[in-house]
PDB file of N, CA and C in Angstrom:
ATOM      1  N   MET A   1     -43.703 -36.911 -46.337  1.00  0.00           N
ATOM      2  CA  MET A   1     -44.536 -35.799 -46.640  1.00  0.00           C
ATOM      3  C   MET A   1     -45.027 -36.284 -48.764  1.00  0.00           C
ATOM      4  N   THR A   2     -46.277 -36.145 -48.232  1.00  0.00           N
ATOM      5  CA  THR A   2     -47.042 -35.981 -49.830  1.00  0.00           C
ATOM      6  C   THR A   2     -46.150 -35.272 -50.657  1.00  0.00           C
ATOM      7  N   THR A   3     -46.461 -36.361 -52.130  1.00  0.00           N
ATOM      8  CA  THR A   3     -46.498 -35.028 -53.633  1.00  0.00           C
ATOM      9  C   THR A   3     -47.185 -33.292 -53.120  1.00  0.00           C
ATOM     10  N   SER A   4     -47.934 -33.789 -53.013  1.00  0.00           N
ATOM     11  CA  SER A   4     -48.862 -32.814 -52.811  1.00  0.00           C
ATOM     12  C   SER A   4     -48.638 -31.423 -51.830  1.00  0.00           C
ATOM     13  N   ALA A   5     -48.896 -31.989 -50.808  1.00  0.00           N
ATOM     14  CA  ALA A   5     -47.720 -31.532 -49.911  1.00  0.00           C
ATOM     15  C   ALA A   5     -46.793 -30.370 -50.036  1.00  0.00           C
ATOM     16  N   LYS A   6     -45.531 -31.731 -50.754  1.00  0.00           N
ATOM     17  CA  LYS A   6     -44.347 -30.214 -51.172  1.00  0.00           C
ATOM     18  C   LYS A   6     -44.089 -29.544 -52.489  1.00  0.00           C
ATOM     19  N   ILE A   7     -45.896 -29.956 -53.298  1.00  0.00           N
ATOM     20  CA  ILE A   7     -45.338 -29.145 -54.515  1.00  0.00           C
ATOM     21  C   ILE A   7     -46.169 -27.969 -53.492  1.00  0.00           C
ATOM     22  N   ALA A   8     -47.016 -27.863 -52.398  1.00  0.00           N
ATOM     23  CA  ALA A   8     -47.823 -26.810 -51.721  1.00  0.00           C
ATOM     24  C   ALA A   8     -47.267 -25.764 -51.358  1.00  0.00           C
ATOM     25  N   ILE A   9     -45.789 -26.170 -50.282  1.00  0.00           N
ATOM     26  CA  ILE A   9     -44.740 -25.805 -50.062  1.00  0.00           C
ATOM     27  C   ILE A   9     -44.310 -25.037 -50.715  1.00  0.00           C
ATOM     28  N   GLY A  10     -43.641 -25.616 -51.842  1.00  0.00           N
ATOM     29  CA  GLY A  10     -43.275 -25.440 -53.412  1.00  0.00           C
ATOM     30  C   GLY A  10     -43.859 -23.761 -54.069  1.00  0.00           C
ATOM     31  N   ILE A  11     -45.454 -24.505 -54.404  1.00  0.00           N
ATOM     32  CA  ILE A  11     -45.762 -22.959 -54.289  1.00  0.00           C
ATOM     33  C   ILE A  11     -46.014 -21.557 -53.745  1.00  0.00           C
ATOM     34  N   ALA A  12     -45.758 -22.096 -52.118  1.00  0.00           N
ATOM     35  CA  ALA A  12     -46.354 -21.358 -52.001  1.00  0.00           C
ATOM     36  C   ALA A  12     -45.202 -20.042 -51.241  1.00  0.00           C
ATOM     37  N   GLY A  13     -43.342 -20.525 -51.565  1.00  0.00           N
ATOM     38  CA  GLY A  13     -42.355 -20.671 -51.119  1.00  0.00           C
ATOM     39  C   GLY A  13     -42.429 -19.686 -53.018  1.00  0.00           C
ATOM     40  N   ALA A  14     -42.689 -19.985 -53.655  1.00  0.00           N
ATOM     41  CA  ALA A  14     -42.457 -19.164 -54.946  1.00  0.00           C
ATOM     42  C   ALA A  14     -43.138 -18.025 -55.094  1.00  0.00           C
ATOM     43  N   ALA A  15     -44.570 -18.269 -54.467  1.00  0.00           N
ATOM     44  CA  ALA A  15     -44.760 -16.501 -54.149  1.00  0.00           C
ATOM     45  C   ALA A  15     -44.847 -15.189 -53.151  1.00  0.00           C
ATOM     46  N   ALA A  16     -43.943 -16.157 -52.132  1.00  0.00           N
ATOM     47  CA  ALA A  16     -43.356 -15.096 -50.835  1.00  0.00           C
ATOM     48  C   ALA A  16     -42.528 -14.781 -52.041  1.00  0.00           C
ATOM     49  N   ALA A  17     -41.098 -15.463 -52.411  1.00  0.00           N
ATOM     50  CA  ALA A  17     -40.473 -14.513 -53.239  1.00  0.00           C
ATOM     51  C   ALA A  17     -41.091 -13.612 -54.500  1.00  0.00           C
ATOM     52  N   GLY A  18     -42.200 -14.228 -55.382  1.00  0.00           N
ATOM     53  CA  GLY A  18     -42.683 -13.227 -55.441  1.00  0.00           C
ATOM     54  C   GLY A  18     -43.024 -12.181 -55.462  1.00  0.00           C
ATOM     55  N   VAL A  19     -43.656 -12.131 -53.736  1.00  0.00           N
ATOM     56  CA  VAL A  19     -44.076 -10.753 -53.446  1.00  0.00           C
ATOM     57  C   VAL A  19     -42.285 -10.237 -53.132  1.00  0.00           C
ATOM     58  N   LEU A  20     -41.747 -10.552 -51.965  1.00  0.00           N
ATOM     59  CA  LEU A  20     -40.824 -10.099 -51.818  1.00  0.00           C
ATOM     60  C   LEU A  20     -39.907  -9.579 -52.613  1.00  0.00           C
ATOM     61  N   ILE A  21     -39.773 -10.232 -53.812  1.00  0.00           N
ATOM     62  CA  ILE A  21     -38.713  -9.427 -54.961  1.00  0.00           C
ATOM     63  C   ILE A  21     -39.844  -8.064 -55.953  1.00  0.00           C
ATOM     64  N   GLY A  22     -40.764  -7.967 -55.495  1.00  0.00           N
ATOM     65  CA  GLY A  22     -42.390  -6.885 -56.338  1.00  0.00           C
ATOM     66  C   GLY A  22     -41.706  -5.643 -55.498  1.00  0.00           C
ATOM     67  N   LEU A  23     -41.978  -5.903 -53.795  1.00  0.00           N
ATOM     68  CA  LEU A  23     -42.225  -5.364 -52.830  1.00  0.00           C
ATOM     69  C   LEU A  23     -39.983  -4.926 -53.293  1.00  0.00           C
ATOM     70  N   LEU A  24     -39.026  -4.688 -53.137  1.00  0.00           N
ATOM     71  CA  LEU A  24     -37.980  -4.658 -53.005  1.00  0.00           C
ATOM     72  C   LEU A  24     -37.773  -3.566 -54.288  1.00  0.00           C
ATOM     73  N   ILE A  25     -38.772  -4.170 -55.738  1.00  0.00           N
ATOM     74  CA  ILE A  25     -38.725  -3.375 -56.400  1.00  0.00           C
ATOM     75  C   ILE A  25     -39.807  -1.803 -55.988  1.00  0.00           C
ATOM     76  N   ALA A  26     -40.309  -2.130 -55.107  1.00  0.00           N
ATOM     77  CA  ALA A  26     -41.631  -0.624 -55.895  1.00  0.00           C
ATOM     78  C   ALA A  26     -40.729   0.348 -55.107  1.00  0.00           C
ATOM     79  N   PRO A  27     -41.531   1.063 -56.208  1.00  0.00           N
ATOM     80  CA  PRO A  27     -40.835   2.773 -55.745  1.00  0.00           C
ATOM     81  C   PRO A  27     -41.443   3.629 -54.164  1.00  0.00           C
ATOM     82  N   ASP A  28     -41.356   2.545 -53.571  1.00  0.00           N
ATOM     83  CA  ASP A  28     -41.757   2.983 -51.754  1.00  0.00           C
ATOM     84  C   ASP A  28     -40.775   3.458 -50.636  1.00  0.00           C
ATOM     85  N   LYS A  29     -41.454   4.073 -49.692  1.00  0.00           N
ATOM     86  CA  LYS A  29     -40.143   4.580 -48.927  1.00  0.00           C
ATOM     87  C   LYS A  29     -39.350   3.033 -48.303  1.00  0.00           C
ATOM     88  N   GLY A  30     -38.388   2.984 -47.398  1.00  0.00           N
ATOM     89  CA  GLY A  30     -37.999   2.261 -46.761  1.00  0.00           C
ATOM     90  C   GLY A  30     -38.457   1.957 -46.117  1.00  0.00           C
ATOM     91  N   VAL A  31     -39.061   2.697 -44.967  1.00  0.00           N
ATOM     92  CA  VAL A  31     -39.626   1.920 -44.065  1.00  0.00           C
ATOM     93  C   VAL A  31     -41.533   1.170 -44.200  1.00  0.00           C
ATOM     94  N   GLU A  32     -42.147   2.157 -45.735  1.00  0.00           N
ATOM     95  CA  GLU A  32     -42.691   1.018 -45.367  1.00  0.00           C
ATOM     96  C   GLU A  32     -43.085   0.030 -46.063  1.00  0.00           C
ATOM     97  N   THR A  33     -41.565   0.128 -47.290  1.00  0.00           N
ATOM     98  CA  THR A  33     -41.191  -1.611 -48.087  1.00  0.00           C
ATOM     99  C   THR A  33     -40.480  -2.092 -46.824  1.00  0.00           C
ATOM    100  N   ARG A  34     -40.527  -2.185 -45.680  1.00  0.00           N
ATOM    101  CA  ARG A  34     -39.929  -3.126 -44.915  1.00  0.00           C
ATOM    102  C   ARG A  34     -40.967  -3.606 -43.927  1.00  0.00           C
ATOM    103  N   LYS A  35     -42.363  -2.264 -43.985  1.00  0.00           N
ATOM    104  CA  LYS A  35     -43.486  -3.490 -43.167  1.00  0.00           C
ATOM    105  C   LYS A  35     -44.306  -4.407 -44.412  1.00  0.00           C
ATOM    106  N   LYS A  36     -44.145  -3.871 -45.667  1.00  0.00           N
ATOM    107  CA  LYS A  36     -44.817  -4.707 -46.393  1.00  0.00           C
ATOM    108  C   LYS A  36     -44.342  -6.150 -46.299  1.00  0.00           C
ATOM    109  N   ILE A  37     -42.870  -5.855 -45.879  1.00  0.00           N
ATOM    110  CA  ILE A  37     -42.455  -7.171 -46.681  1.00  0.00           C
ATOM    111  C   ILE A  37     -42.822  -8.200 -45.005  1.00  0.00           C
ATOM    112  N   SER A  38     -42.226  -7.456 -43.461  1.00  0.00           N
ATOM    113  CA  SER A  38     -42.778  -8.167 -43.068  1.00  0.00           C
ATOM    114  C   SER A  38     -44.042  -8.733 -42.572  1.00  0.00           C
ATOM    115  N   ASN A  39     -44.627  -7.578 -42.631  1.00  0.00           N
ATOM    116  CA  ASN A  39     -46.526  -8.309 -43.112  1.00  0.00           C
ATOM    117  C   ASN A  39     -46.923  -9.074 -44.702  1.00  0.00           C
ATOM    118  N   SER A  40     -45.721  -9.354 -45.045  1.00  0.00           N
ATOM    119  CA  SER A  40     -46.630 -10.764 -46.052  1.00  0.00           C
ATOM    120  C   SER A  40     -45.547 -11.612 -45.681  1.00  0.00           C
ATOM    121  N   THR A  41     -44.784 -12.270 -44.414  1.00  0.00           N
ATOM    122  CA  THR A  41     -43.794 -12.658 -44.655  1.00  0.00           C
ATOM    123  C   THR A  41     -44.418 -13.302 -43.055  1.00  0.00           C
ATOM    124  N   ALA A  42     -44.402 -12.399 -42.271  1.00  0.00           N
ATOM    125  CA  ALA A  42     -45.541 -13.564 -41.789  1.00  0.00           C
ATOM    126  C   ALA A  42     -46.473 -13.993 -41.876  1.00  0.00           C
ATOM    127  N   SER A  43     -47.562 -13.256 -42.736  1.00  0.00           N
ATOM    128  CA  SER A  43     -49.140 -14.259 -42.984  1.00  0.00           C
ATOM    129  C   SER A  43     -48.151 -15.743 -44.272  1.00  0.00           C
ATOM    130  N   TRP A  44     -46.919 -15.201 -44.778  1.00  0.00           N
ATOM    131  CA  TRP A  44     -46.130 -16.726 -45.339  1.00  0.00           C
ATOM    132  C   TRP A  44     -45.648 -17.989 -43.965  1.00  0.00           C
ATOM    133  N   VAL A  45     -45.564 -17.088 -43.403  1.00  0.00           N
ATOM    134  CA  VAL A  45     -45.242 -18.053 -41.980  1.00  0.00           C
ATOM    135  C   VAL A  45     -45.970 -18.936 -41.703  1.00  0.00           C
ATOM    136  N   ASN A  46     -47.168 -17.651 -41.479  1.00  0.00           N
ATOM    137  CA  ASN A  46     -48.768 -19.155 -40.890  1.00  0.00           C
ATOM    138  C   ASN A  46     -49.342 -19.638 -41.754  1.00  0.00           C
ATOM    139  N   SER A  47     -48.907 -19.865 -43.250  1.00  0.00           N
ATOM    140  CA  SER A  47     -49.452 -20.410 -44.505  1.00  0.00           C
ATOM    141  C   SER A  47     -48.528 -21.901 -43.933  1.00  0.00           C
ATOM    142  N   VAL A  48     -47.283 -21.634 -44.373  1.00  0.00           N
ATOM    143  CA  VAL A  48     -46.327 -22.380 -44.248  1.00  0.00           C
ATOM    144  C   VAL A  48     -46.931 -23.366 -43.128  1.00  0.00           C
ATOM    145  N   GLY A  49     -47.281 -22.884 -41.914  1.00  0.00           N
ATOM    146  CA  GLY A  49     -46.980 -22.645 -40.655  1.00  0.00           C
ATOM    147  C   GLY A  49     -48.590 -24.536 -40.276  1.00  0.00           C
ATOM    148  N   LYS A  50     -49.787 -23.602 -40.586  1.00  0.00           N
ATOM    149  CA  LYS A  50     -50.562 -24.461 -41.481  1.00  0.00           C
ATOM    150  C   LYS A  50     -50.602 -25.681 -42.279  1.00  0.00           C
ATOM    151  N   LEU A  51     -49.721 -25.748 -43.232  1.00  0.00           N
ATOM    152  CA  LEU A  51     -49.455 -26.511 -44.566  1.00  0.00           C
ATOM    153  C   LEU A  51     -48.695 -27.915 -44.227  1.00  0.00           C
ATOM    154  N   PHE A  52     -47.388 -27.121 -42.916  1.00  0.00           N
ATOM    155  CA  PHE A  52     -47.041 -28.177 -42.378  1.00  0.00           C
ATOM    156  C   PHE A  52     -47.349 -29.326 -41.220  1.00  0.00           C
ATOM    157  N   THR A  53     -48.179 -28.121 -40.612  1.00  0.00           N
ATOM    158  CA  THR A  53     -49.976 -29.256 -39.722  1.00  0.00           C
ATOM    159  C   THR A  53     -50.937 -30.146 -40.108  1.00  0.00           C
ATOM    160  N   LYS A  54     -51.503 -29.848 -41.717  1.00  0.00           N
ATOM    161  CA  LYS A  54     -52.354 -30.363 -42.452  1.00  0.00           C
ATOM    162  C   LYS A  54     -51.446 -31.748 -42.843  1.00  0.00           C
ATOM    163  N   ALA A  55     -50.048 -32.011 -43.788  1.00  0.00           N
ATOM    164  CA  ALA A  55     -49.417 -32.257 -43.924  1.00  0.00           C
ATOM    165  C   ALA A  55     -48.894 -33.321 -42.736  1.00  0.00           C
ATOM    166  N   GLN A  56     -48.852 -33.067 -41.582  1.00  0.00           N
ATOM    167  CA  GLN A  56     -48.578 -34.140 -40.080  1.00  0.00           C
ATOM    168  C   GLN A  56     -49.707 -34.859 -39.832  1.00  0.00           C
ATOM    169  N   HIS A  57     -51.046 -33.923 -40.196  1.00  0.00           N
ATOM    170  CA  HIS A  57     -51.942 -35.222 -39.973  1.00  0.00           C
ATOM    171  C   HIS A  57     -52.621 -36.018 -41.050  1.00  0.00           C
ATOM    172  N   SER A  58     -51.508 -34.857 -41.909  1.00  0.00           N
ATOM    173  CA  SER A  58     -52.188 -36.568 -43.497  1.00  0.00           C
ATOM    174  C   SER A  58     -51.356 -37.700 -43.153  1.00  0.00           C
ATOM    175  N   GLY A  59     -49.716 -37.752 -42.595  1.00  0.00           N
ATOM    176  CA  GLY A  59     -49.172 -38.502 -42.383  1.00  0.00           C
ATOM    177  C   GLY A  59     -49.102 -39.126 -41.237  1.00  0.00           C
ATOM    178  N   LYS A  60     -49.850 -39.226 -40.308  1.00  0.00           N
ATOM    179  CA  LYS A  60     -50.478 -39.847 -39.133  1.00  0.00           C
ATOM    180  C   LYS A  60     -51.593 -40.347 -39.447  1.00  0.00           C
ATOM    181  N   ARG A  61     -52.423 -40.289 -40.183  1.00  0.00           N
ATOM    182  CA  ARG A  61     -53.502 -40.900 -40.791  1.00  0.00           C
ATOM    183  C   ARG A  61     -53.510 -41.636 -41.752  1.00  0.00           C
ATOM    184  N   ALA A  62     -52.004 -41.301 -42.070  1.00  0.00           N
ATOM    185  CA  ALA A  62     -52.350 -42.920 -43.060  1.00  0.00           C
ATOM    186  C   ALA A  62     -51.155 -43.877 -42.576  1.00  0.00           C
ATOM    187  N   MET A  63     -50.416 -42.936 -41.047  1.00  0.00           N
ATOM    188  CA  MET A  63     -49.575 -44.466 -41.000  1.00  0.00           C
ATOM    189  C   MET A  63     -50.736 -45.536 -39.612  1.00  0.00           C
ATOM    190  N   LYS A  64     -51.273 -44.440 -39.896  1.00  0.00           N
ATOM    191  CA  LYS A  64     -52.548 -45.916 -38.592  1.00  0.00           C
ATOM    192  C   LYS A  64     -53.508 -46.266 -39.653  1.00  0.00           C
ATOM    193  N   ASN A  65     -53.016 -46.360 -40.450  1.00  0.00           N
ATOM    194  CA  ASN A  65     -54.182 -47.342 -41.945  1.00  0.00           C
ATOM    195  C   ASN A  65     -53.203 -47.884 -42.241  1.00  0.00           C
ATOM    196  N   VAL A  66     -52.238 -47.811 -42.965  1.00  0.00           N
ATOM    197  CA  VAL A  66     -51.197 -48.586 -43.015  1.00  0.00           C
ATOM    198  C   VAL A  66     -50.830 -50.213 -41.872  1.00  0.00           C
ATOM    199  N   ASN A  67     -51.172 -49.602 -40.528  1.00  0.00           N
ATOM    200  CA  ASN A  67     -51.100 -49.948 -39.715  1.00  0.00           C
ATOM    201  C   ASN A  67     -51.821 -51.574 -38.724  1.00  0.00           C
ATOM    202  N   ALA A  68     -53.166 -50.428 -39.829  1.00  0.00           N
ATOM    203  CA  ALA A  68     -54.579 -50.826 -39.072  1.00  0.00           C
ATOM    204  C   ALA A  68     -54.694 -52.376 -40.096  1.00  0.00           C
TER     205      ALA A  68
END
């Protein structure tokens, strides 16, 4: 995995943690807070999945260039 991919994953993780903490501190009802956490988590998982896919494709291209 490239350094830029690692940095992007770190930033995404930090952002997700920040959102989660913010939601837990928010003065909403428990049901509303759980819905927000669920939506944020699903969005974060989707973003990380896309990031891993991009990193995987980049790695495959790099390996093809090395082997060529």
